[in-house]
């Protein structure tokens, strides 16, 4: 039997599960201006995946890269979810959210 598909699938599931709360916390503390951190992390992961000869590990690192890229879109969507009241606002950034609501 070949377990590579199950291993990659489980790793991607775990990566997505880890990225979701990271995006929520990044928006909470730093707002959408922190998107560049995910872009940088995604680029670093993408470059690293190019130099790994093991197909399974390279695939998992590549999936992490594109999960970071997807997280950029999610940071902007998360701000909208906060404005709708679906997620809590950071009280230290209340004036920022008030300006956006106007």
PDB file of N, CA and C in Angstrom:
ATOM      1  N   UNK A   1       0.835  -1.183   0.000  1.00  0.00           N
ATOM      2  CA  UNK A   1       0.000   0.000   0.000  1.00  0.00           C
ATOM      3  C   UNK A   1       0.882   1.250   0.000  1.00  0.00           C
ATOM      4  N   UNK A   2       0.314   2.307  -0.548  1.00  0.00           N
ATOM      5  CA  UNK A   2       1.015   3.586  -0.604  1.00  0.00           C
ATOM      6  C   UNK A   2       0.292   4.588   0.290  1.00  0.00           C
ATOM      7  N   UNK A   3       1.021   5.143   1.217  1.00  0.00           N
ATOM      8  CA  UNK A   3       0.426   6.045   2.195  1.00  0.00           C
ATOM      9  C   UNK A   3       0.711   7.522   1.909  1.00  0.00           C
ATOM     10  N   UNK A   4       1.387   7.819   0.816  1.00  0.00           N
ATOM     11  CA  UNK A   4       1.787   9.205   0.557  1.00  0.00           C
ATOM     12  C   UNK A   4       0.583  10.141   0.436  1.00  0.00           C
ATOM     13  N   UNK A   5      -0.483   9.714  -0.192  1.00  0.00           N
ATOM     14  CA  UNK A   5      -1.674  10.557  -0.326  1.00  0.00           C
ATOM     15  C   UNK A   5      -2.315  10.867   1.016  1.00  0.00           C
ATOM     16  N   UNK A   6      -2.382   9.849   1.881  1.00  0.00           N
ATOM     17  CA  UNK A   6      -2.957  10.040   3.215  1.00  0.00           C
ATOM     18  C   UNK A   6      -2.067  10.966   4.051  1.00  0.00           C
ATOM     19  N   UNK A   7      -0.758  10.794   3.929  1.00  0.00           N
ATOM     20  CA  UNK A   7       0.177  11.632   4.686  1.00  0.00           C
ATOM     21  C   UNK A   7       0.050  13.089   4.245  1.00  0.00           C
ATOM     22  N   UNK A   8       0.046  13.333   2.945  1.00  0.00           N
ATOM     23  CA  UNK A   8      -0.072  14.703   2.434  1.00  0.00           C
ATOM     24  C   UNK A   8      -1.436  15.283   2.812  1.00  0.00           C
ATOM     25  N   UNK A   9      -2.496  14.509   2.668  1.00  0.00           N
ATOM     26  CA  UNK A   9      -3.834  14.987   3.020  1.00  0.00           C
ATOM     27  C   UNK A   9      -3.942  15.368   4.484  1.00  0.00           C
ATOM     28  N   UNK A  10      -3.398  14.543   5.359  1.00  0.00           N
ATOM     29  CA  UNK A  10      -3.436  14.840   6.797  1.00  0.00           C
ATOM     30  C   UNK A  10      -2.600  16.080   7.119  1.00  0.00           C
ATOM     31  N   UNK A  11      -1.463  16.203   6.459  1.00  0.00           N
ATOM     32  CA  UNK A  11      -0.607  17.372   6.703  1.00  0.00           C
ATOM     33  C   UNK A  11      -1.287  18.653   6.238  1.00  0.00           C
ATOM     34  N   UNK A  12      -1.933  18.615   5.074  1.00  0.00           N
ATOM     35  CA  UNK A  12      -2.632  19.796   4.567  1.00  0.00           C
ATOM     36  C   UNK A  12      -3.791  20.151   5.491  1.00  0.00           C
ATOM     37  N   UNK A  13      -4.514  19.160   5.949  1.00  0.00           N
ATOM     38  CA  UNK A  13      -5.601  19.388   6.902  1.00  0.00           C
ATOM     39  C   UNK A  13      -5.075  20.082   8.159  1.00  0.00           C
ATOM     40  N   UNK A  14      -3.954  19.628   8.659  1.00  0.00           N
ATOM     41  CA  UNK A  14      -3.335  20.219   9.845  1.00  0.00           C
ATOM     42  C   UNK A  14      -2.848  21.648   9.566  1.00  0.00           C
ATOM     43  N   UNK A  15      -2.245  21.863   8.420  1.00  0.00           N
ATOM     44  CA  UNK A  15      -1.757  23.199   8.058  1.00  0.00           C
ATOM     45  C   UNK A  15      -2.914  24.191   7.985  1.00  0.00           C
ATOM     46  N   UNK A  16      -3.993  23.807   7.339  1.00  0.00           N
ATOM     47  CA  UNK A  16      -5.160  24.685   7.241  1.00  0.00           C
ATOM     48  C   UNK A  16      -5.726  24.953   8.627  1.00  0.00           C
ATOM     49  N   UNK A  17      -5.777  23.920   9.457  1.00  0.00           N
ATOM     50  CA  UNK A  17      -6.277  24.083  10.818  1.00  0.00           C
ATOM     51  C   UNK A  17      -5.421  25.009  11.661  1.00  0.00           C
ATOM     52  N   UNK A  18      -4.130  25.041  11.386  1.00  0.00           N
ATOM     53  CA  UNK A  18      -3.222  25.938  12.108  1.00  0.00           C
ATOM     54  C   UNK A  18      -3.312  27.361  11.559  1.00  0.00           C
ATOM     55  N   UNK A  19      -3.440  27.489  10.252  1.00  0.00           N
ATOM     56  CA  UNK A  19      -3.461  28.822   9.625  1.00  0.00           C
ATOM     57  C   UNK A  19      -4.708  29.619   9.997  1.00  0.00           C
ATOM     58  N   UNK A  20      -5.844  28.956  10.161  1.00  0.00           N
ATOM     59  CA  UNK A  20      -7.085  29.680  10.451  1.00  0.00           C
ATOM     60  C   UNK A  20      -6.994  30.517  11.728  1.00  0.00           C
ATOM     61  N   UNK A  21      -6.607  29.953  12.867  1.00  0.00           N
ATOM     62  CA  UNK A  21      -6.495  30.801  14.054  1.00  0.00           C
ATOM     63  C   UNK A  21      -5.365  31.834  13.963  1.00  0.00           C
ATOM     64  N   UNK A  22      -4.326  31.533  13.199  1.00  0.00           N
ATOM     65  CA  UNK A  22      -3.247  32.510  13.018  1.00  0.00           C
ATOM     66  C   UNK A  22      -3.780  33.748  12.306  1.00  0.00           C
ATOM     67  N   UNK A  23      -4.587  33.547  11.270  1.00  0.00           N
ATOM     68  CA  UNK A  23      -5.180  34.672  10.539  1.00  0.00           C
ATOM     69  C   UNK A  23      -6.078  35.488  11.464  1.00  0.00           C
ATOM     70  N   UNK A  24      -6.874  34.826  12.276  1.00  0.00           N
ATOM     71  CA  UNK A  24      -7.767  35.523  13.204  1.00  0.00           C
ATOM     72  C   UNK A  24      -6.959  36.378  14.179  1.00  0.00           C
ATOM     73  N   UNK A  25      -5.907  35.813  14.744  1.00  0.00           N
ATOM     74  CA  UNK A  25      -5.081  36.552  15.708  1.00  0.00           C
ATOM     75  C   UNK A  25      -4.324  37.703  15.032  1.00  0.00           C
ATOM     76  N   UNK A  26      -3.831  37.466  13.821  1.00  0.00           N
ATOM     77  CA  UNK A  26      -3.110  38.536  13.121  1.00  0.00           C
ATOM     78  C   UNK A  26      -4.027  39.720  12.867  1.00  0.00           C
ATOM     79  N   UNK A  27      -5.260  39.460  12.434  1.00  0.00           N
ATOM     80  CA  UNK A  27      -6.190  40.563  12.196  1.00  0.00           C
ATOM     81  C   UNK A  27      -6.553  41.243  13.503  1.00  0.00           C
ATOM     82  N   UNK A  28      -6.713  40.479  14.564  1.00  0.00           N
ATOM     83  CA  UNK A  28      -7.097  41.036  15.857  1.00  0.00           C
ATOM     84  C   UNK A  28      -6.036  42.003  16.373  1.00  0.00           C
ATOM     85  N   UNK A  29      -4.780  41.593  16.316  1.00  0.00           N
ATOM     86  CA  UNK A  29      -3.715  42.401  16.897  1.00  0.00           C
ATOM     87  C   UNK A  29      -3.136  43.443  15.943  1.00  0.00           C
ATOM     88  N   UNK A  30      -3.010  43.120  14.666  1.00  0.00           N
ATOM     89  CA  UNK A  30      -2.320  44.015  13.742  1.00  0.00           C
ATOM     90  C   UNK A  30      -3.175  44.505  12.588  1.00  0.00           C
ATOM     91  N   UNK A  31      -4.344  43.926  12.386  1.00  0.00           N
ATOM     92  CA  UNK A  31      -5.201  44.340  11.295  1.00  0.00           C
ATOM     93  C   UNK A  31      -4.737  43.796   9.957  1.00  0.00           C
ATOM     94  N   UNK A  32      -5.387  44.284   8.915  1.00  0.00           N
ATOM     95  CA  UNK A  32      -5.075  43.757   7.586  1.00  0.00           C
ATOM     96  C   UNK A  32      -3.722  44.203   7.058  1.00  0.00           C
ATOM     97  N   UNK A  33      -3.101  45.180   7.742  1.00  0.00           N
ATOM     98  CA  UNK A  33      -1.776  45.626   7.302  1.00  0.00           C
ATOM     99  C   UNK A  33      -0.707  44.560   7.522  1.00  0.00           C
ATOM    100  N   UNK A  34      -1.055  43.481   8.198  1.00  0.00           N
ATOM    101  CA  UNK A  34      -0.088  42.409   8.449  1.00  0.00           C
ATOM    102  C   UNK A  34      -0.058  41.360   7.331  1.00  0.00           C
ATOM    103  N   UNK A  35      -0.734  41.635   6.223  1.00  0.00           N
ATOM    104  CA  UNK A  35      -0.797  40.679   5.127  1.00  0.00           C
ATOM    105  C   UNK A  35       0.593  40.328   4.596  1.00  0.00           C
ATOM    106  N   UNK A  36       1.525  41.273   4.669  1.00  0.00           N
ATOM    107  CA  UNK A  36       2.858  41.050   4.106  1.00  0.00           C
ATOM    108  C   UNK A  36       3.612  39.940   4.849  1.00  0.00           C
ATOM    109  N   UNK A  37       3.270  39.714   6.118  1.00  0.00           N
ATOM    110  CA  UNK A  37       3.919  38.638   6.871  1.00  0.00           C
ATOM    111  C   UNK A  37       3.570  37.289   6.231  1.00  0.00           C
ATOM    112  N   UNK A  38       2.306  37.126   5.872  1.00  0.00           N
ATOM    113  CA  UNK A  38       1.890  35.886   5.216  1.00  0.00           C
ATOM    114  C   UNK A  38       2.495  35.777   3.820  1.00  0.00           C
ATOM    115  N   UNK A  39       2.600  36.892   3.113  1.00  0.00           N
ATOM    116  CA  UNK A  39       3.223  36.862   1.780  1.00  0.00           C
ATOM    117  C   UNK A  39       4.682  36.442   1.886  1.00  0.00           C
ATOM    118  N   UNK A  40       5.367  36.976   2.865  1.00  0.00           N
ATOM    119  CA  UNK A  40       6.769  36.619   3.066  1.00  0.00           C
ATOM    120  C   UNK A  40       6.911  35.145   3.456  1.00  0.00           C
ATOM    121  N   UNK A  41       6.088  34.700   4.393  1.00  0.00           N
ATOM    122  CA  UNK A  41       6.142  33.294   4.812  1.00  0.00           C
ATOM    123  C   UNK A  41       5.820  32.366   3.644  1.00  0.00           C
ATOM    124  N   UNK A  42       4.817  32.720   2.856  1.00  0.00           N
ATOM    125  CA  UNK A  42       4.467  31.905   1.695  1.00  0.00           C
ATOM    126  C   UNK A  42       5.596  31.823   0.691  1.00  0.00           C
ATOM    127  N   UNK A  43       6.253  32.935   0.455  1.00  0.00           N
ATOM    128  CA  UNK A  43       7.370  32.950  -0.485  1.00  0.00           C
ATOM    129  C   UNK A  43       8.541  32.121   0.030  1.00  0.00           C
ATOM    130  N   UNK A  44       8.822  32.238   1.319  1.00  0.00           N
ATOM    131  CA  UNK A  44       9.907  31.444   1.909  1.00  0.00           C
ATOM    132  C   UNK A  44       9.585  29.951   1.796  1.00  0.00           C
ATOM    133  N   UNK A  45       8.360  29.567   2.145  1.00  0.00           N
ATOM    134  CA  UNK A  45       7.971  28.154   2.034  1.00  0.00           C
ATOM    135  C   UNK A  45       8.049  27.680   0.583  1.00  0.00           C
ATOM    136  N   UNK A  46       7.610  28.508  -0.370  1.00  0.00           N
ATOM    137  CA  UNK A  46       7.651  28.117  -1.780  1.00  0.00           C
ATOM    138  C   UNK A  46       9.087  27.889  -2.243  1.00  0.00           C
ATOM    139  N   UNK A  47       9.983  28.777  -1.847  1.00  0.00           N
ATOM    140  CA  UNK A  47      11.387  28.628  -2.235  1.00  0.00           C
ATOM    141  C   UNK A  47      11.989  27.379  -1.589  1.00  0.00           C
ATOM    142  N   UNK A  48      11.689  27.167  -0.323  1.00  0.00           N
ATOM    143  CA  UNK A  48      12.208  25.979   0.359  1.00  0.00           C
ATOM    144  C   UNK A  48      11.724  24.705  -0.332  1.00  0.00           C
ATOM    145  N   UNK A  49      10.452  24.695  -0.738  1.00  0.00           N
ATOM    146  CA  UNK A  49       9.905  23.482  -1.365  1.00  0.00           C
ATOM    147  C   UNK A  49      10.606  23.153  -2.679  1.00  0.00           C
ATOM    148  N   UNK A  50      11.174  24.162  -3.330  1.00  0.00           N
ATOM    149  CA  UNK A  50      11.890  23.923  -4.585  1.00  0.00           C
ATOM    150  C   UNK A  50      13.194  23.162  -4.383  1.00  0.00           C
ATOM    151  N   UNK A  51      13.737  23.214  -3.192  1.00  0.00           N
ATOM    152  CA  UNK A  51      15.041  22.614  -2.930  1.00  0.00           C
ATOM    153  C   UNK A  51      14.969  21.313  -2.142  1.00  0.00           C
ATOM    154  N   UNK A  52      13.772  20.806  -1.894  1.00  0.00           N
ATOM    155  CA  UNK A  52      13.611  19.559  -1.156  1.00  0.00           C
ATOM    156  C   UNK A  52      13.356  18.438  -2.155  1.00  0.00           C
ATOM    157  N   UNK A  53      14.180  17.420  -2.100  1.00  0.00           N
ATOM    158  CA  UNK A  53      14.071  16.341  -3.084  1.00  0.00           C
ATOM    159  C   UNK A  53      12.982  15.323  -2.731  1.00  0.00           C
ATOM    160  N   UNK A  54      12.652  15.199  -1.460  1.00  0.00           N
ATOM    161  CA  UNK A  54      11.609  14.267  -1.045  1.00  0.00           C
ATOM    162  C   UNK A  54      10.261  14.808  -1.492  1.00  0.00           C
ATOM    163  N   UNK A  55       9.556  14.047  -2.323  1.00  0.00           N
ATOM    164  CA  UNK A  55       8.309  14.519  -2.923  1.00  0.00           C
ATOM    165  C   UNK A  55       7.230  14.818  -1.883  1.00  0.00           C
ATOM    166  N   UNK A  56       7.100  13.983  -0.880  1.00  0.00           N
ATOM    167  CA  UNK A  56       6.066  14.190   0.140  1.00  0.00           C
ATOM    168  C   UNK A  56       6.352  15.459   0.943  1.00  0.00           C
ATOM    169  N   UNK A  57       7.570  15.623   1.399  1.00  0.00           N
ATOM    170  CA  UNK A  57       7.933  16.802   2.200  1.00  0.00           C
ATOM    171  C   UNK A  57       7.828  18.067   1.350  1.00  0.00           C
ATOM    172  N   UNK A  58       8.299  18.013   0.116  1.00  0.00           N
ATOM    173  CA  UNK A  58       8.206  19.164  -0.776  1.00  0.00           C
ATOM    174  C   UNK A  58       6.752  19.560  -1.014  1.00  0.00           C
ATOM    175  N   UNK A  59       5.887  18.581  -1.180  1.00  0.00           N
ATOM    176  CA  UNK A  59       4.467  18.847  -1.385  1.00  0.00           C
ATOM    177  C   UNK A  59       3.839  19.493  -0.154  1.00  0.00           C
ATOM    178  N   UNK A  60       4.196  18.997   1.009  1.00  0.00           N
ATOM    179  CA  UNK A  60       3.650  19.552   2.251  1.00  0.00           C
ATOM    180  C   UNK A  60       4.124  20.996   2.450  1.00  0.00           C
ATOM    181  N   UNK A  61       5.396  21.269   2.185  1.00  0.00           N
ATOM    182  CA  UNK A  61       5.916  22.626   2.314  1.00  0.00           C
ATOM    183  C   UNK A  61       5.262  23.537   1.270  1.00  0.00           C
ATOM    184  N   UNK A  62       5.050  23.026   0.073  1.00  0.00           N
ATOM    185  CA  UNK A  62       4.349  23.799  -0.957  1.00  0.00           C
ATOM    186  C   UNK A  62       2.915  24.104  -0.555  1.00  0.00           C
ATOM    187  N   UNK A  63       2.265  23.142   0.076  1.00  0.00           N
ATOM    188  CA  UNK A  63       0.902  23.379   0.569  1.00  0.00           C
ATOM    189  C   UNK A  63       0.898  24.445   1.662  1.00  0.00           C
ATOM    190  N   UNK A  64       1.913  24.453   2.494  1.00  0.00           N
ATOM    191  CA  UNK A  64       2.031  25.496   3.519  1.00  0.00           C
ATOM    192  C   UNK A  64       2.210  26.860   2.858  1.00  0.00           C
ATOM    193  N   UNK A  65       2.983  26.916   1.783  1.00  0.00           N
ATOM    194  CA  UNK A  65       3.195  28.179   1.065  1.00  0.00           C
ATOM    195  C   UNK A  65       1.871  28.735   0.561  1.00  0.00           C
ATOM    196  N   UNK A  66       1.092  27.897  -0.081  1.00  0.00           N
ATOM    197  CA  UNK A  66      -0.157  28.385  -0.652  1.00  0.00           C
ATOM    198  C   UNK A  66      -1.241  28.579   0.396  1.00  0.00           C
ATOM    199  N   UNK A  67      -1.113  27.935   1.528  1.00  0.00           N
ATOM    200  CA  UNK A  67      -2.011  28.241   2.652  1.00  0.00           C
ATOM    201  C   UNK A  67      -1.717  29.635   3.188  1.00  0.00           C
ATOM    202  N   UNK A  68      -0.448  30.010   3.212  1.00  0.00           N
ATOM    203  CA  UNK A  68      -0.084  31.379   3.611  1.00  0.00           C
ATOM    204  C   UNK A  68      -0.628  32.387   2.607  1.00  0.00           C
ATOM    205  N   UNK A  69      -0.522  32.086   1.329  1.00  0.00           N
ATOM    206  CA  UNK A  69      -1.058  32.991   0.307  1.00  0.00           C
ATOM    207  C   UNK A  69      -2.577  33.124   0.445  1.00  0.00           C
ATOM    208  N   UNK A  70      -3.247  32.024   0.707  1.00  0.00           N
ATOM    209  CA  UNK A  70      -4.692  32.062   0.918  1.00  0.00           C
ATOM    210  C   UNK A  70      -5.016  32.877   2.176  1.00  0.00           C
ATOM    211  N   UNK A  71      -4.161  32.802   3.168  1.00  0.00           N
ATOM    212  CA  UNK A  71      -4.353  33.560   4.397  1.00  0.00           C
ATOM    213  C   UNK A  71      -4.384  35.061   4.159  1.00  0.00           C
ATOM    214  N   UNK A  72      -3.692  35.540   3.117  1.00  0.00           N
ATOM    215  CA  UNK A  72      -3.740  36.961   2.777  1.00  0.00           C
ATOM    216  C   UNK A  72      -5.167  37.369   2.451  1.00  0.00           C
ATOM    217  N   UNK A  73      -5.834  36.574   1.636  1.00  0.00           N
ATOM    218  CA  UNK A  73      -7.240  36.864   1.314  1.00  0.00           C
ATOM    219  C   UNK A  73      -8.104  36.786   2.566  1.00  0.00           C
ATOM    220  N   UNK A  74      -7.797  35.835   3.408  1.00  0.00           N
ATOM    221  CA  UNK A  74      -8.599  35.643   4.619  1.00  0.00           C
ATOM    222  C   UNK A  74      -8.431  36.772   5.629  1.00  0.00           C
ATOM    223  N   UNK A  75      -7.276  37.419   5.652  1.00  0.00           N
ATOM    224  CA  UNK A  75      -7.094  38.559   6.566  1.00  0.00           C
ATOM    225  C   UNK A  75      -8.054  39.677   6.189  1.00  0.00           C
ATOM    226  N   UNK A  76      -8.177  39.941   4.885  1.00  0.00           N
ATOM    227  CA  UNK A  76      -9.100  40.983   4.434  1.00  0.00           C
ATOM    228  C   UNK A  76     -10.553  40.568   4.695  1.00  0.00           C
ATOM    229  N   UNK A  77     -10.853  39.298   4.491  1.00  0.00           N
ATOM    230  CA  UNK A  77     -12.207  38.805   4.784  1.00  0.00           C
ATOM    231  C   UNK A  77     -12.481  38.820   6.287  1.00  0.00           C
ATOM    232  N   UNK A  78     -11.471  38.550   7.081  1.00  0.00           N
ATOM    233  CA  UNK A  78     -11.636  38.544   8.533  1.00  0.00           C
ATOM    234  C   UNK A  78     -12.001  39.938   9.034  1.00  0.00           C
ATOM    235  N   UNK A  79     -11.406  40.958   8.465  1.00  0.00           N
ATOM    236  CA  UNK A  79     -11.762  42.322   8.865  1.00  0.00           C
ATOM    237  C   UNK A  79     -13.242  42.582   8.608  1.00  0.00           C
ATOM    238  N   UNK A  80     -13.745  42.106   7.477  1.00  0.00           N
ATOM    239  CA  UNK A  80     -15.176  42.267   7.186  1.00  0.00           C
ATOM    240  C   UNK A  80     -16.030  41.490   8.177  1.00  0.00           C
ATOM    241  N   UNK A  81     -15.568  40.308   8.566  1.00  0.00           N
ATOM    242  CA  UNK A  81     -16.323  39.516   9.548  1.00  0.00           C
ATOM    243  C   UNK A  81     -16.356  40.216  10.902  1.00  0.00           C
ATOM    244  N   UNK A  82     -15.259  40.867  11.265  1.00  0.00           N
ATOM    245  CA  UNK A  82     -15.213  41.622  12.522  1.00  0.00           C
ATOM    246  C   UNK A  82     -16.187  42.796  12.447  1.00  0.00           C
ATOM    247  N   UNK A  83     -16.200  43.494  11.319  1.00  0.00           N
ATOM    248  CA  UNK A  83     -17.100  44.631  11.159  1.00  0.00           C
ATOM    249  C   UNK A  83     -18.568  44.208  11.212  1.00  0.00           C
ATOM    250  N   UNK A  84     -18.862  42.994  10.766  1.00  0.00           N
ATOM    251  CA  UNK A  84     -20.236  42.471  10.841  1.00  0.00           C
ATOM    252  C   UNK A  84     -20.604  41.994  12.236  1.00  0.00           C
ATOM    253  N   UNK A  85     -19.608  41.904  13.120  1.00  0.00           N
ATOM    254  CA  UNK A  85     -19.866  41.458  14.478  1.00  0.00           C
ATOM    255  C   UNK A  85     -19.757  39.962  14.671  1.00  0.00           C
ATOM    256  N   UNK A  86     -19.244  39.267  13.689  1.00  0.00           N
ATOM    257  CA  UNK A  86     -19.118  37.813  13.783  1.00  0.00           C
ATOM    258  C   UNK A  86     -17.925  37.394  14.639  1.00  0.00           C
ATOM    259  N   UNK A  87     -16.930  38.281  14.749  1.00  0.00           N
ATOM    260  CA  UNK A  87     -15.750  38.029  15.560  1.00  0.00           C
ATOM    261  C   UNK A  87     -15.504  39.255  16.435  1.00  0.00           C
ATOM    262  N   UNK A  88     -14.860  39.097  17.575  1.00  0.00           N
ATOM    263  CA  UNK A  88     -14.655  40.247  18.468  1.00  0.00           C
ATOM    264  C   UNK A  88     -13.636  41.239  17.909  1.00  0.00           C
ATOM    265  N   UNK A  89     -13.885  42.515  18.226  1.00  0.00           N
ATOM    266  CA  UNK A  89     -12.939  43.571  17.879  1.00  0.00           C
ATOM    267  C   UNK A  89     -11.877  43.661  18.957  1.00  0.00           C
ATOM    268  N   UNK A  90     -10.715  44.108  18.564  1.00  0.00           N
ATOM    269  CA  UNK A  90      -9.675  44.438  19.529  1.00  0.00           C
ATOM    270  C   UNK A  90     -10.023  45.814  20.097  1.00  0.00           C
ATOM    271  N   UNK A  91     -10.291  45.927  21.399  1.00  0.00           N
ATOM    272  CA  UNK A  91     -10.673  47.225  21.968  1.00  0.00           C
ATOM    273  C   UNK A  91      -9.617  48.305  21.754  1.00  0.00           C
ATOM    274  N   UNK A  92      -8.367  47.917  21.624  1.00  0.00           N
ATOM    275  CA  UNK A  92      -7.299  48.891  21.389  1.00  0.00           C
ATOM    276  C   UNK A  92      -7.371  49.485  19.979  1.00  0.00           C
ATOM    277  N   UNK A  93      -8.120  48.837  19.098  1.00  0.00           N
ATOM    278  CA  UNK A  93      -8.251  49.315  17.728  1.00  0.00           C
ATOM    279  C   UNK A  93      -9.687  49.742  17.419  1.00  0.00           C
ATOM    280  N   UNK A  94     -10.459  50.087  18.448  1.00  0.00           N
ATOM    281  CA  UNK A  94     -11.871  50.441  18.285  1.00  0.00           C
ATOM    282  C   UNK A  94     -12.051  51.654  17.375  1.00  0.00           C
ATOM    283  N   UNK A  95     -11.164  52.628  17.476  1.00  0.00           N
ATOM    284  CA  UNK A  95     -11.286  53.814  16.624  1.00  0.00           C
ATOM    285  C   UNK A  95     -11.083  53.473  15.148  1.00  0.00           C
ATOM    286  N   UNK A  96     -10.225  52.511  14.874  1.00  0.00           N
ATOM    287  CA  UNK A  96      -9.999  52.063  13.495  1.00  0.00           C
ATOM    288  C   UNK A  96     -11.283  51.464  12.926  1.00  0.00           C
ATOM    289  N   UNK A  97     -11.922  50.594  13.686  1.00  0.00           N
ATOM    290  CA  UNK A  97     -13.161  49.972  13.226  1.00  0.00           C
ATOM    291  C   UNK A  97     -14.279  51.011  13.097  1.00  0.00           C
ATOM    292  N   UNK A  98     -14.303  51.979  14.009  1.00  0.00           N
ATOM    293  CA  UNK A  98     -15.326  53.029  13.934  1.00  0.00           C
ATOM    294  C   UNK A  98     -15.172  53.837  12.644  1.00  0.00           C
ATOM    295  N   UNK A  99     -13.926  54.142  12.259  1.00  0.00           N
ATOM    296  CA  UNK A  99     -13.698  54.868  11.005  1.00  0.00           C
ATOM    297  C   UNK A  99     -14.163  54.049   9.795  1.00  0.00           C
ATOM    298  N   UNK A 100     -13.953  52.764   9.828  1.00  0.00           N
ATOM    299  CA  UNK A 100     -14.370  51.916   8.714  1.00  0.00           C
ATOM    300  C   UNK A 100     -15.886  51.834   8.595  1.00  0.00           C
ATOM    301  N   UNK A 101     -16.580  51.911   9.702  1.00  0.00           N
ATOM    302  CA  UNK A 101     -18.036  51.806   9.685  1.00  0.00           C
ATOM    303  C   UNK A 101     -18.700  53.057   9.128  1.00  0.00           C
ATOM    304  N   UNK A 102     -18.006  54.171   9.107  1.00  0.00           N
ATOM    305  CA  UNK A 102     -18.606  55.420   8.616  1.00  0.00           C
ATOM    306  C   UNK A 102     -18.746  55.436   7.121  1.00  0.00           C
TER     307      UNK A 102
END
